[in-house]
Amino acid sequence: MTIFIDPKLKDNAYYDTSGKIVIAEVLAGDPDVVLREYTHHILQDARPKGELSPFTAIQSGLADYLPCSFNNSPLFAVASAPVFNQIYHQQLFPNGYLRNMVNQVRLDTPASTVSQQAIGEGWGGAFWELRELIGVNPTDSLVFEAWTTAKTIADSSPASLAFARGILALVTARHPKASQRAQAIFERRGLSVGAGKARVAQRRRAAS
């Protein structure tokens, strides 16, 4: 893995599939930017070989959350916020960070109306709440496992719901006492993760 600081790149960074992180010179002073792109590399590499995974809000949320968890701070890209404000001559990020893992962003917002980063902030917020519920290492491992084992990663409502339910299933198996509170995290953000369980219970009652 190499890092290339591109003086011609205005305000962005990206992971090149050849194994290189390309970062704008003005953002080179923010380790969070590099960590986010490296996380993209890890996430893509962890999916089944040959799968062409689209960039999703879920991936964006993980790429924010995991660096923040590593830094033990919910604020992502504090060093980059004033840079963007200066580049565009306006207070795009007046609070001094690009995104905050402590938030109430909903996950049922249609993907067509906001960017993946905006919805991803909601996923990062859900992961951060889970982190506070069951701990740092359990959450980091659990959300990464959910990513690697999900049948599909997409921003559609069914895929988002399935991903959240995958996380909840892992929480229930490993931290059963936290299951209801973990479910509430996603319910508050607009995902009815318990609906599937309710339907199963109804079918069982009807069959008995």
Foldseek 3Di string as FASTA:
>chain_A
DEEAADCPDDQAWAADPVGYIYHHNLLVVFVLRVQLRVLLVVLVVLADPPDDADDALQSLLLSQQVVCLVVVAQFGALVCQVVVCVSVVHNPPVPRGDAGLQDQAALPPPCVPDDSNSSSSLNSVLLVVVCVQPHRVVSNVLLSVLSNPQPGDHSDLVSVLSSLLSSLVVCCVPPVVCNVVSCVSNVSRPHNNCPVVVVVVVVVVVVD
